[in-house]
Amino acid sequence: LSVVERTREIGLLRAVGLGRAQLATTIVVESVLVAVFGTAVGLVVGTGLAAALPSVLADEGFTTLAVPWAQLGAMLALAAVVGVVAAVWPATRAARLPVLDAVSQE
């Protein structure tokens, strides 16, 4: 969706000399950053909320919180992989877009 919305911007970047490979790399890196930071914020918020559970559920016998750090790290790594996979097709499409067509788009 970001590539479709930013077609004109992509065309202008290409017009001022950004190469196809550089453009594709930029889009993939942007996608990975969004995926990783979004996942990291979600993990921090989720872990913070889970830390409150022992005090709330103490009456039911839930007294300790075990945080599966290895699984959380795996989720973060998976988010990076998903970010790359999700960005490959849009990045390729954007890199192949003719400059004049992209710049003339509104």
Protein backbone atom coordinates (compact mmCIF):
# COMPACT_ATOMS: atom_id res chain seq x y z
CA LEU A 1 0.00 0.00 0.00
CA SER A 2 2.83 2.39 0.81
CA VAL A 3 4.38 1.93 -2.63
CA VAL A 4 1.06 2.61 -4.38
CA GLU A 5 0.46 5.76 -2.32
CA ARG A 6 3.99 7.03 -2.89
CA THR A 7 4.29 6.41 -6.63
CA ARG A 8 4.99 10.07 -7.40
CA GLU A 9 7.63 10.31 -4.67
CA ILE A 10 9.26 7.14 -5.97
CA GLY A 11 9.29 8.59 -9.48
CA LEU A 12 10.91 11.79 -8.25
CA LEU A 13 13.60 9.84 -6.41
CA ARG A 14 14.32 7.87 -9.55
CA ALA A 15 14.35 11.09 -11.62
CA VAL A 16 17.04 12.65 -9.43
CA GLY A 17 19.28 9.62 -9.77
CA LEU A 18 18.26 6.92 -7.31
CA GLY A 19 18.99 3.58 -8.93
CA ARG A 20 16.58 0.67 -9.18
CA ALA A 21 18.53 -1.44 -6.70
CA GLN A 22 18.81 1.47 -4.26
CA LEU A 23 15.07 2.08 -4.46
CA ALA A 24 14.24 -1.59 -3.91
CA THR A 25 16.65 -1.74 -0.96
CA THR A 26 15.11 1.39 0.55
CA ILE A 27 11.62 -0.07 0.37
CA VAL A 28 12.70 -3.40 1.84
CA VAL A 29 14.60 -1.72 4.69
CA GLU A 30 11.61 0.51 5.43
CA SER A 31 9.34 -2.52 5.56
CA VAL A 32 11.68 -4.40 7.88
CA LEU A 33 11.99 -1.40 10.20
CA VAL A 34 8.22 -1.00 10.42
CA ALA A 35 7.75 -4.71 11.09
CA VAL A 36 10.52 -4.95 13.70
CA PHE A 37 9.63 -1.75 15.56
CA GLY A 38 5.94 -2.62 15.53
CA THR A 39 6.71 -6.06 16.91
CA ALA A 40 9.11 -4.66 19.50
CA VAL A 41 6.53 -2.16 20.76
CA GLY A 42 3.93 -4.92 20.89
CA LEU A 43 6.28 -7.18 22.84
CA VAL A 44 7.17 -4.45 25.32
CA VAL A 45 3.53 -3.47 25.88
CA GLY A 46 2.43 -7.11 26.09
CA THR A 47 5.19 -8.00 28.55
CA GLY A 48 4.38 -4.92 30.62
CA LEU A 49 0.72 -5.85 30.79
CA ALA A 50 1.60 -9.47 31.57
CA ALA A 51 3.79 -8.28 34.45
CA ALA A 52 0.65 -6.97 36.14
CA LEU A 53 -1.08 -10.36 35.97
CA PRO A 54 0.50 -11.99 39.05
CA SER A 55 -0.85 -9.29 41.34
CA VAL A 56 -4.30 -9.41 39.72
CA LEU A 57 -4.55 -13.21 39.61
CA ALA A 58 -2.86 -14.00 42.93
CA ASP A 59 -6.14 -15.37 44.32
CA GLU A 60 -6.19 -18.05 41.60
CA GLY A 61 -2.65 -19.17 42.41
CA PHE A 62 -0.90 -17.32 39.60
CA THR A 63 2.01 -15.81 41.49
CA THR A 64 4.95 -15.67 39.09
CA LEU A 65 5.50 -14.52 35.55
CA ALA A 66 7.77 -16.57 33.32
CA VAL A 67 8.79 -14.56 30.27
CA PRO A 68 9.88 -16.80 27.37
CA TRP A 69 12.73 -14.58 26.17
CA ALA A 70 13.85 -17.03 23.49
CA GLN A 71 10.36 -17.12 21.97
CA LEU A 72 10.09 -13.34 22.09
CA GLY A 73 13.42 -13.06 20.30
CA ALA A 74 12.24 -15.58 17.72
CA MET A 75 9.10 -13.49 17.17
CA LEU A 76 11.23 -10.41 16.58
CA ALA A 77 13.39 -12.30 14.08
CA LEU A 78 10.28 -13.68 12.38
CA ALA A 79 8.92 -10.14 12.07
CA ALA A 80 12.10 -9.12 10.24
CA VAL A 81 11.78 -12.07 7.86
CA VAL A 82 8.10 -11.32 7.23
CA GLY A 83 9.01 -7.68 6.58
CA VAL A 84 11.50 -8.73 3.91
CA VAL A 85 9.12 -11.22 2.30
CA ALA A 86 6.25 -8.73 2.31
CA ALA A 87 8.38 -6.03 0.69
CA VAL A 88 9.99 -7.97 -2.14
CA TRP A 89 7.11 -7.75 -4.63
CA PRO A 90 6.25 -4.06 -4.00
CA ALA A 91 9.95 -3.13 -4.10
CA THR A 92 10.43 -4.95 -7.39
CA ARG A 93 7.29 -3.34 -8.83
CA ALA A 94 8.42 0.13 -7.75
CA ALA A 95 11.92 -0.36 -9.15
CA ARG A 96 10.53 -1.37 -12.55
CA LEU A 97 8.06 1.51 -12.78
CA PRO A 98 8.95 3.92 -15.60
CA VAL A 99 10.08 7.26 -14.19
CA LEU A 100 7.79 9.41 -16.36
CA ASP A 101 4.72 7.32 -15.50
CA ALA A 102 5.50 7.57 -11.80
CA VAL A 103 6.13 11.32 -11.81
CA SER A 104 2.97 12.09 -13.76
CA GLN A 105 0.81 10.12 -11.33
CA GLU A 106 -1.22 12.03 -8.77
